[in-house]
Amino acid sequence: MRRCRWSPKDGLDDASLSAYARQVTFPTVMGDVRFGAKGESPEPGVLQVQFQEVSGHEVGQFRNGARQIIVSPPESSSGNLNFPYTEALTAE
């Protein structure tokens, strides 16, 4: 696996940048990101997210992402799905 190490000698035009992006793995906070031959993700990348522990109408509680819980797929999850939602409301 080639890690992201770009330099100006690799070129700044779209073709050079695209070719480079298809050859390397980019480390991110959500894990490694790779691109396929047509620029697509080689693995499905759909996340199911549920807002949890929301209280009131204060927008500030959403600023850091702590209320946004990834529930699927299991390898990316950051918490469990609260279902049915009516039970989550009475759990407080």
PDB file of N, CA and C in Angstrom:
ATOM      1  N   MET A   1       0.835  -1.174   0.000  1.00  0.00           N
ATOM      2  CA  MET A   1       0.000   0.000   0.000  1.00  0.00           C
ATOM      3  C   MET A   1       0.886   1.247   0.000  1.00  0.00           C
ATOM      4  N   ARG A   2       0.694   2.110  -0.966  1.00  0.00           N
ATOM      5  CA  ARG A   2       1.481   3.339  -1.052  1.00  0.00           C
ATOM      6  C   ARG A   2       0.767   4.450  -0.295  1.00  0.00           C
ATOM      7  N   ARG A   3       1.457   5.071   0.620  1.00  0.00           N
ATOM      8  CA  ARG A   3       0.891   6.175   1.395  1.00  0.00           C
ATOM      9  C   ARG A   3       0.939   7.463   0.595  1.00  0.00           C
ATOM     10  N   CYS A   4       0.126   8.415   1.001  1.00  0.00           N
ATOM     11  CA  CYS A   4       0.012   9.702   0.313  1.00  0.00           C
ATOM     12  C   CYS A   4       1.295  10.517   0.493  1.00  0.00           C
ATOM     13  N   ARG A   5       2.049  10.663  -0.585  1.00  0.00           N
ATOM     14  CA  ARG A   5       3.250  11.509  -0.586  1.00  0.00           C
ATOM     15  C   ARG A   5       3.353  12.178  -1.944  1.00  0.00           C
ATOM     16  N   TRP A   6       2.663  13.280  -2.092  1.00  0.00           N
ATOM     17  CA  TRP A   6       2.636  14.004  -3.359  1.00  0.00           C
ATOM     18  C   TRP A   6       3.704  15.077  -3.343  1.00  0.00           C
ATOM     19  N   SER A   7       4.267  15.349  -4.476  1.00  0.00           N
ATOM     20  CA  SER A   7       5.215  16.459  -4.592  1.00  0.00           C
ATOM     21  C   SER A   7       4.918  17.199  -5.894  1.00  0.00           C
ATOM     22  N   PRO A   8       5.346  18.453  -6.011  1.00  0.00           N
ATOM     23  CA  PRO A   8       5.080  19.230  -7.223  1.00  0.00           C
ATOM     24  C   PRO A   8       5.585  18.568  -8.496  1.00  0.00           C
ATOM     25  N   LYS A   9       6.627  17.752  -8.406  1.00  0.00           N
ATOM     26  CA  LYS A   9       7.128  17.087  -9.613  1.00  0.00           C
ATOM     27  C   LYS A   9       6.109  16.100 -10.181  1.00  0.00           C
ATOM     28  N   ASP A  10       5.116  15.692  -9.357  1.00  0.00           N
ATOM     29  CA  ASP A  10       4.071  14.786  -9.824  1.00  0.00           C
ATOM     30  C   ASP A  10       3.086  15.489 -10.765  1.00  0.00           C
ATOM     31  N   GLY A  11       3.090  16.822 -10.781  1.00  0.00           N
ATOM     32  CA  GLY A  11       2.230  17.581 -11.672  1.00  0.00           C
ATOM     33  C   GLY A  11       0.981  18.106 -10.982  1.00  0.00           C
ATOM     34  N   LEU A  12       0.464  19.222 -11.485  1.00  0.00           N
ATOM     35  CA  LEU A  12      -0.724  19.847 -10.916  1.00  0.00           C
ATOM     36  C   LEU A  12      -1.941  19.779 -11.838  1.00  0.00           C
ATOM     37  N   ASP A  13      -1.788  19.216 -13.008  1.00  0.00           N
ATOM     38  CA  ASP A  13      -2.925  19.144 -13.920  1.00  0.00           C
ATOM     39  C   ASP A  13      -3.868  18.025 -13.455  1.00  0.00           C
ATOM     40  N   ASP A  14      -5.123  18.074 -13.919  1.00  0.00           N
ATOM     41  CA  ASP A  14      -6.134  17.113 -13.485  1.00  0.00           C
ATOM     42  C   ASP A  14      -5.726  15.667 -13.747  1.00  0.00           C
ATOM     43  N   ALA A  15      -5.153  15.389 -14.894  1.00  0.00           N
ATOM     44  CA  ALA A  15      -4.775  14.019 -15.236  1.00  0.00           C
ATOM     45  C   ALA A  15      -3.713  13.479 -14.274  1.00  0.00           C
ATOM     46  N   SER A  16      -2.727  14.311 -13.953  1.00  0.00           N
ATOM     47  CA  SER A  16      -1.664  13.874 -13.033  1.00  0.00           C
ATOM     48  C   SER A  16      -2.205  13.659 -11.628  1.00  0.00           C
ATOM     49  N   LEU A  17      -3.036  14.601 -11.160  1.00  0.00           N
ATOM     50  CA  LEU A  17      -3.607  14.466  -9.817  1.00  0.00           C
ATOM     51  C   LEU A  17      -4.527  13.251  -9.728  1.00  0.00           C
ATOM     52  N   SER A  18      -5.319  13.016 -10.790  1.00  0.00           N
ATOM     53  CA  SER A  18      -6.220  11.860 -10.798  1.00  0.00           C
ATOM     54  C   SER A  18      -5.435  10.553 -10.783  1.00  0.00           C
ATOM     55  N   ALA A  19      -4.401  10.478 -11.601  1.00  0.00           N
ATOM     56  CA  ALA A  19      -3.574   9.272 -11.646  1.00  0.00           C
ATOM     57  C   ALA A  19      -2.921   9.025 -10.284  1.00  0.00           C
ATOM     58  N   TYR A  20      -2.443  10.070  -9.667  1.00  0.00           N
ATOM     59  CA  TYR A  20      -1.817   9.933  -8.349  1.00  0.00           C
ATOM     60  C   TYR A  20      -2.833   9.455  -7.312  1.00  0.00           C
ATOM     61  N   ALA A  21      -4.042  10.043  -7.330  1.00  0.00           N
ATOM     62  CA  ALA A  21      -5.063   9.685  -6.338  1.00  0.00           C
ATOM     63  C   ALA A  21      -5.474   8.222  -6.460  1.00  0.00           C
ATOM     64  N   ARG A  22      -5.414   7.667  -7.656  1.00  0.00           N
ATOM     65  CA  ARG A  22      -5.785   6.258  -7.848  1.00  0.00           C
ATOM     66  C   ARG A  22      -4.688   5.297  -7.394  1.00  0.00           C
ATOM     67  N   GLN A  23      -3.487   5.792  -7.138  1.00  0.00           N
ATOM     68  CA  GLN A  23      -2.362   4.934  -6.766  1.00  0.00           C
ATOM     69  C   GLN A  23      -2.091   4.891  -5.266  1.00  0.00           C
ATOM     70  N   VAL A  24      -2.645   5.813  -4.511  1.00  0.00           N
ATOM     71  CA  VAL A  24      -2.263   5.937  -3.103  1.00  0.00           C
ATOM     72  C   VAL A  24      -3.453   5.720  -2.179  1.00  0.00           C
ATOM     73  N   THR A  25      -3.155   5.582  -0.910  1.00  0.00           N
ATOM     74  CA  THR A  25      -4.150   5.497   0.147  1.00  0.00           C
ATOM     75  C   THR A  25      -4.021   6.753   1.006  1.00  0.00           C
ATOM     76  N   PHE A  26      -5.150   7.427   1.231  1.00  0.00           N
ATOM     77  CA  PHE A  26      -5.160   8.652   2.024  1.00  0.00           C
ATOM     78  C   PHE A  26      -5.670   8.334   3.427  1.00  0.00           C
ATOM     79  N   PRO A  27      -4.850   8.513   4.464  1.00  0.00           N
ATOM     80  CA  PRO A  27      -5.329   8.282   5.822  1.00  0.00           C
ATOM     81  C   PRO A  27      -6.228   9.431   6.273  1.00  0.00           C
ATOM     82  N   THR A  28      -7.413   9.107   6.811  1.00  0.00           N
ATOM     83  CA  THR A  28      -8.345  10.121   7.313  1.00  0.00           C
ATOM     84  C   THR A  28      -8.816   9.714   8.704  1.00  0.00           C
ATOM     85  N   VAL A  29      -9.587  10.573   9.356  1.00  0.00           N
ATOM     86  CA  VAL A  29     -10.106  10.252  10.678  1.00  0.00           C
ATOM     87  C   VAL A  29     -11.114   9.107  10.638  1.00  0.00           C
ATOM     88  N   MET A  30     -11.709   8.838   9.483  1.00  0.00           N
ATOM     89  CA  MET A  30     -12.661   7.737   9.340  1.00  0.00           C
ATOM     90  C   MET A  30     -12.010   6.480   8.773  1.00  0.00           C
ATOM     91  N   GLY A  31     -10.708   6.476   8.671  1.00  0.00           N
ATOM     92  CA  GLY A  31     -10.002   5.331   8.112  1.00  0.00           C
ATOM     93  C   GLY A  31      -9.376   5.681   6.779  1.00  0.00           C
ATOM     94  N   ASP A  32      -8.728   4.707   6.192  1.00  0.00           N
ATOM     95  CA  ASP A  32      -8.043   4.926   4.919  1.00  0.00           C
ATOM     96  C   ASP A  32      -9.042   5.086   3.774  1.00  0.00           C
ATOM     97  N   VAL A  33      -8.718   5.990   2.848  1.00  0.00           N
ATOM     98  CA  VAL A  33      -9.553   6.245   1.672  1.00  0.00           C
ATOM     99  C   VAL A  33      -8.741   5.935   0.432  1.00  0.00           C
ATOM    100  N   ARG A  34      -9.352   5.166  -0.481  1.00  0.00           N
ATOM    101  CA  ARG A  34      -8.731   4.849  -1.764  1.00  0.00           C
ATOM    102  C   ARG A  34      -9.715   5.171  -2.872  1.00  0.00           C
ATOM    103  N   PHE A  35      -9.216   5.312  -4.087  1.00  0.00           N
ATOM    104  CA  PHE A  35     -10.047   5.584  -5.250  1.00  0.00           C
ATOM    105  C   PHE A  35      -9.798   4.526  -6.303  1.00  0.00           C
ATOM    106  N   GLY A  36     -10.876   4.106  -6.977  1.00  0.00           N
ATOM    107  CA  GLY A  36     -10.777   3.116  -8.032  1.00  0.00           C
ATOM    108  C   GLY A  36     -10.376   3.741  -9.358  1.00  0.00           C
ATOM    109  N   ALA A  37     -10.402   2.947 -10.408  1.00  0.00           N
ATOM    110  CA  ALA A  37      -9.950   3.370 -11.738  1.00  0.00           C
ATOM    111  C   ALA A  37     -10.750   4.535 -12.293  1.00  0.00           C
ATOM    112  N   LYS A  38     -12.021   4.638 -11.932  1.00  0.00           N
ATOM    113  CA  LYS A  38     -12.864   5.731 -12.428  1.00  0.00           C
ATOM    114  C   LYS A  38     -13.103   6.805 -11.370  1.00  0.00           C
ATOM    115  N   GLY A  39     -12.344   6.761 -10.280  1.00  0.00           N
ATOM    116  CA  GLY A  39     -12.482   7.746  -9.218  1.00  0.00           C
ATOM    117  C   GLY A  39     -13.470   7.343  -8.141  1.00  0.00           C
ATOM    118  N   GLU A  40     -14.054   6.161  -8.291  1.00  0.00           N
ATOM    119  CA  GLU A  40     -15.052   5.696  -7.328  1.00  0.00           C
ATOM    120  C   GLU A  40     -14.368   5.071  -6.112  1.00  0.00           C
ATOM    121  N   SER A  41     -15.146   4.868  -5.069  1.00  0.00           N
ATOM    122  CA  SER A  41     -14.634   4.166  -3.899  1.00  0.00           C
ATOM    123  C   SER A  41     -14.643   2.671  -4.197  1.00  0.00           C
ATOM    124  N   PRO A  42     -13.536   1.957  -3.912  1.00  0.00           N
ATOM    125  CA  PRO A  42     -13.506   0.525  -4.201  1.00  0.00           C
ATOM    126  C   PRO A  42     -14.450  -0.296  -3.314  1.00  0.00           C
ATOM    127  N   GLU A  43     -14.835   0.230  -2.143  1.00  0.00           N
ATOM    128  CA  GLU A  43     -15.784  -0.433  -1.254  1.00  0.00           C
ATOM    129  C   GLU A  43     -17.013   0.446  -1.107  1.00  0.00           C
ATOM    130  N   PRO A  44     -18.174  -0.167  -0.872  1.00  0.00           N
ATOM    131  CA  PRO A  44     -19.369   0.656  -0.622  1.00  0.00           C
ATOM    132  C   PRO A  44     -19.113   1.558   0.581  1.00  0.00           C
ATOM    133  N   GLY A  45     -19.563   2.786   0.506  1.00  0.00           N
ATOM    134  CA  GLY A  45     -19.273   3.734   1.574  1.00  0.00           C
ATOM    135  C   GLY A  45     -20.501   4.365   2.200  1.00  0.00           C
ATOM    136  N   VAL A  46     -21.593   3.627   2.312  1.00  0.00           N
ATOM    137  CA  VAL A  46     -22.822   4.171   2.887  1.00  0.00           C
ATOM    138  C   VAL A  46     -22.775   3.996   4.401  1.00  0.00           C
ATOM    139  N   LEU A  47     -22.990   5.081   5.106  1.00  0.00           N
ATOM    140  CA  LEU A  47     -23.068   5.037   6.560  1.00  0.00           C
ATOM    141  C   LEU A  47     -24.502   5.333   6.980  1.00  0.00           C
ATOM    142  N   GLN A  48     -24.997   4.608   7.974  1.00  0.00           N
ATOM    143  CA  GLN A  48     -26.290   4.920   8.568  1.00  0.00           C
ATOM    144  C   GLN A  48     -26.000   5.612   9.888  1.00  0.00           C
ATOM    145  N   VAL A  49     -26.611   6.775  10.070  1.00  0.00           N
ATOM    146  CA  VAL A  49     -26.327   7.610  11.231  1.00  0.00           C
ATOM    147  C   VAL A  49     -27.632   7.905  11.968  1.00  0.00           C
ATOM    148  N   GLN A  50     -27.559   7.924  13.283  1.00  0.00           N
ATOM    149  CA  GLN A  50     -28.713   8.277  14.105  1.00  0.00           C
ATOM    150  C   GLN A  50     -28.287   9.368  15.086  1.00  0.00           C
ATOM    151  N   PHE A  51     -29.122  10.398  15.214  1.00  0.00           N
ATOM    152  CA  PHE A  51     -28.868  11.416  16.230  1.00  0.00           C
ATOM    153  C   PHE A  51     -29.361  10.865  17.561  1.00  0.00           C
ATOM    154  N   GLN A  52     -28.498  10.921  18.578  1.00  0.00           N
ATOM    155  CA  GLN A  52     -28.856  10.391  19.895  1.00  0.00           C
ATOM    156  C   GLN A  52     -28.566  11.422  20.975  1.00  0.00           C
ATOM    157  N   GLU A  53     -29.322  11.305  22.068  1.00  0.00           N
ATOM    158  CA  GLU A  53     -29.171  12.174  23.235  1.00  0.00           C
ATOM    159  C   GLU A  53     -29.330  13.645  22.881  1.00  0.00           C
ATOM    160  N   VAL A  54     -30.275  13.926  22.005  1.00  0.00           N
ATOM    161  CA  VAL A  54     -30.593  15.306  21.638  1.00  0.00           C
ATOM    162  C   VAL A  54     -31.550  15.842  22.681  1.00  0.00           C
ATOM    163  N   SER A  55     -31.270  17.032  23.195  1.00  0.00           N
ATOM    164  CA  SER A  55     -32.157  17.632  24.186  1.00  0.00           C
ATOM    165  C   SER A  55     -32.434  19.077  23.810  1.00  0.00           C
ATOM    166  N   GLY A  56     -33.705  19.423  23.741  1.00  0.00           N
ATOM    167  CA  GLY A  56     -34.080  20.789  23.435  1.00  0.00           C
ATOM    168  C   GLY A  56     -33.800  21.172  21.996  1.00  0.00           C
ATOM    169  N   HIS A  57     -33.705  22.481  21.785  1.00  0.00           N
ATOM    170  CA  HIS A  57     -33.547  23.011  20.430  1.00  0.00           C
ATOM    171  C   HIS A  57     -32.226  23.755  20.243  1.00  0.00           C
ATOM    172  N   GLU A  58     -31.308  23.607  21.175  1.00  0.00           N
ATOM    173  CA  GLU A  58     -30.031  24.310  21.114  1.00  0.00           C
ATOM    174  C   GLU A  58     -29.158  23.739  20.012  1.00  0.00           C
ATOM    175  N   VAL A  59     -28.809  24.565  19.024  1.00  0.00           N
ATOM    176  CA  VAL A  59     -28.015  24.105  17.878  1.00  0.00           C
ATOM    177  C   VAL A  59     -26.576  23.763  18.265  1.00  0.00           C
ATOM    178  N   GLY A  60     -26.085  24.325  19.350  1.00  0.00           N
ATOM    179  CA  GLY A  60     -24.707  24.099  19.782  1.00  0.00           C
ATOM    180  C   GLY A  60     -24.391  22.641  20.077  1.00  0.00           C
ATOM    181  N   GLN A  61     -25.404  21.845  20.430  1.00  0.00           N
ATOM    182  CA  GLN A  61     -25.164  20.434  20.749  1.00  0.00           C
ATOM    183  C   GLN A  61     -24.779  19.604  19.520  1.00  0.00           C
ATOM    184  N   PHE A  62     -24.945  20.187  18.331  1.00  0.00           N
ATOM    185  CA  PHE A  62     -24.610  19.462  17.103  1.00  0.00           C
ATOM    186  C   PHE A  62     -23.261  19.883  16.514  1.00  0.00           C
ATOM    187  N   ARG A  63     -22.586  20.832  17.121  1.00  0.00           N
ATOM    188  CA  ARG A  63     -21.371  21.387  16.526  1.00  0.00           C
ATOM    189  C   ARG A  63     -20.195  20.420  16.476  1.00  0.00           C
ATOM    190  N   ASN A  64     -20.063  19.523  17.435  1.00  0.00           N
ATOM    191  CA  ASN A  64     -18.875  18.662  17.461  1.00  0.00           C
ATOM    192  C   ASN A  64     -19.125  17.240  16.945  1.00  0.00           C
ATOM    193  N   GLY A  65     -20.342  16.910  16.552  1.00  0.00           N
ATOM    194  CA  GLY A  65     -20.632  15.591  16.009  1.00  0.00           C
ATOM    195  C   GLY A  65     -20.859  14.506  17.046  1.00  0.00           C
ATOM    196  N   ALA A  66     -20.804  14.832  18.324  1.00  0.00           N
ATOM    197  CA  ALA A  66     -20.956  13.819  19.366  1.00  0.00           C
ATOM    198  C   ALA A  66     -22.354  13.205  19.391  1.00  0.00           C
ATOM    199  N   ARG A  67     -23.350  13.894  18.894  1.00  0.00           N
ATOM    200  CA  ARG A  67     -24.731  13.391  18.877  1.00  0.00           C
ATOM    201  C   ARG A  67     -25.014  12.544  17.634  1.00  0.00           C
ATOM    202  N   GLN A  68     -24.129  12.568  16.687  1.00  0.00           N
ATOM    203  CA  GLN A  68     -24.300  11.854  15.423  1.00  0.00           C
ATOM    204  C   GLN A  68     -23.577  10.511  15.552  1.00  0.00           C
ATOM    205  N   ILE A  69     -24.340   9.447  15.742  1.00  0.00           N
ATOM    206  CA  ILE A  69     -23.779   8.131  16.009  1.00  0.00           C
ATOM    207  C   ILE A  69     -23.873   7.269  14.744  1.00  0.00           C
ATOM    208  N   ILE A  70     -22.751   6.736  14.296  1.00  0.00           N
ATOM    209  CA  ILE A  70     -22.745   5.818  13.154  1.00  0.00           C
ATOM    210  C   ILE A  70     -23.195   4.457  13.672  1.00  0.00           C
ATOM    211  N   VAL A  71     -24.287   3.935  13.108  1.00  0.00           N
ATOM    212  CA  VAL A  71     -24.836   2.662  13.577  1.00  0.00           C
ATOM    213  C   VAL A  71     -24.608   1.517  12.593  1.00  0.00           C
ATOM    214  N   SER A  72     -24.204   1.828  11.377  1.00  0.00           N
ATOM    215  CA  SER A  72     -23.961   0.796  10.376  1.00  0.00           C
ATOM    216  C   SER A  72     -23.080   1.376   9.288  1.00  0.00           C
ATOM    217  N   PRO A  73     -22.178   0.613   8.720  1.00  0.00           N
ATOM    218  CA  PRO A  73     -21.880  -0.806   8.905  1.00  0.00           C
ATOM    219  C   PRO A  73     -21.135  -1.053  10.210  1.00  0.00           C
ATOM    220  N   PRO A  74     -21.162  -2.289  10.694  1.00  0.00           N
ATOM    221  CA  PRO A  74     -20.555  -2.600  12.000  1.00  0.00           C
ATOM    222  C   PRO A  74     -19.087  -2.208  12.126  1.00  0.00           C
ATOM    223  N   GLU A  75     -18.306  -2.329  11.052  1.00  0.00           N
ATOM    224  CA  GLU A  75     -16.873  -2.012  11.152  1.00  0.00           C
ATOM    225  C   GLU A  75     -16.604  -0.521  11.313  1.00  0.00           C
ATOM    226  N   SER A  76     -17.619   0.311  11.059  1.00  0.00           N
ATOM    227  CA  SER A  76     -17.457   1.758  11.211  1.00  0.00           C
ATOM    228  C   SER A  76     -18.294   2.330  12.343  1.00  0.00           C
ATOM    229  N   SER A  77     -19.073   1.490  13.019  1.00  0.00           N
ATOM    230  CA  SER A  77     -20.037   2.002  13.997  1.00  0.00           C
ATOM    231  C   SER A  77     -19.351   2.647  15.199  1.00  0.00           C
ATOM    232  N   SER A  78     -20.021   3.682  15.706  1.00  0.00           N
ATOM    233  CA  SER A  78     -19.534   4.355  16.907  1.00  0.00           C
ATOM    234  C   SER A  78     -20.526   4.200  18.056  1.00  0.00           C
ATOM    235  N   GLY A  79     -21.578   3.407  17.845  1.00  0.00           N
ATOM    236  CA  GLY A  79     -22.579   3.169  18.877  1.00  0.00           C
ATOM    237  C   GLY A  79     -23.662   2.250  18.356  1.00  0.00           C
ATOM    238  N   ASN A  80     -24.643   1.977  19.201  1.00  0.00           N
ATOM    239  CA  ASN A  80     -25.736   1.079  18.844  1.00  0.00           C
ATOM    240  C   ASN A  80     -26.965   1.860  18.399  1.00  0.00           C
ATOM    241  N   LEU A  81     -27.776   1.249  17.554  1.00  0.00           N
ATOM    242  CA  LEU A  81     -29.016   1.840  17.091  1.00  0.00           C
ATOM    243  C   LEU A  81     -30.034   1.824  18.222  1.00  0.00           C
ATOM    244  N   ASN A  82     -30.651   2.966  18.505  1.00  0.00           N
ATOM    245  CA  ASN A  82     -31.751   3.034  19.456  1.00  0.00           C
ATOM    246  C   ASN A  82     -33.037   2.789  18.680  1.00  0.00           C
ATOM    247  N   PHE A  83     -33.683   1.629  18.927  1.00  0.00           N
ATOM    248  CA  PHE A  83     -34.891   1.278  18.197  1.00  0.00           C
ATOM    249  C   PHE A  83     -35.815   0.497  19.105  1.00  0.00           C
ATOM    250  N   PRO A  84     -37.089   0.692  19.105  1.00  0.00           N
ATOM    251  CA  PRO A  84     -37.735   1.797  18.410  1.00  0.00           C
ATOM    252  C   PRO A  84     -37.418   3.122  19.091  1.00  0.00           C
ATOM    253  N   TYR A  85     -37.528   4.185  18.335  1.00  0.00           N
ATOM    254  CA  TYR A  85     -37.133   5.500  18.820  1.00  0.00           C
ATOM    255  C   TYR A  85     -37.954   5.931  20.030  1.00  0.00           C
ATOM    256  N   THR A  86     -39.216   5.489  20.121  1.00  0.00           N
ATOM    257  CA  THR A  86     -40.034   5.874  21.276  1.00  0.00           C
ATOM    258  C   THR A  86     -39.431   5.376  22.576  1.00  0.00           C
ATOM    259  N   GLU A  87     -38.752   4.220  22.548  1.00  0.00           N
ATOM    260  CA  GLU A  87     -38.074   3.727  23.750  1.00  0.00           C
ATOM    261  C   GLU A  87     -36.880   4.612  24.101  1.00  0.00           C
ATOM    262  N   ALA A  88     -36.204   5.139  23.112  1.00  0.00           N
ATOM    263  CA  ALA A  88     -35.066   6.036  23.363  1.00  0.00           C
ATOM    264  C   ALA A  88     -35.536   7.306  24.049  1.00  0.00           C
ATOM    265  N   LEU A  89     -36.717   7.785  23.688  1.00  0.00           N
ATOM    266  CA  LEU A  89     -37.253   9.005  24.301  1.00  0.00           C
ATOM    267  C   LEU A  89     -37.565   8.792  25.789  1.00  0.00           C
ATOM    268  N   THR A  90     -38.015   7.604  26.152  1.00  0.00           N
ATOM    269  CA  THR A  90     -38.371   7.354  27.551  1.00  0.00           C
ATOM    270  C   THR A  90     -37.183   6.919  28.393  1.00  0.00           C
ATOM    271  N   ALA A  91     -36.009   6.705  27.773  1.00  0.00           N
ATOM    272  CA  ALA A  91     -34.825   6.243  28.496  1.00  0.00           C
ATOM    273  C   ALA A  91     -34.140   7.344  29.285  1.00  0.00           C
ATOM    274  N   GLU A  92     -34.554   8.590  29.098  1.00  0.00           N
ATOM    275  CA  GLU A  92     -33.867   9.707  29.780  1.00  0.00           C
ATOM    276  C   GLU A  92     -34.168   9.750  31.248  1.00  0.00           C
TER     277      GLU A  92
END
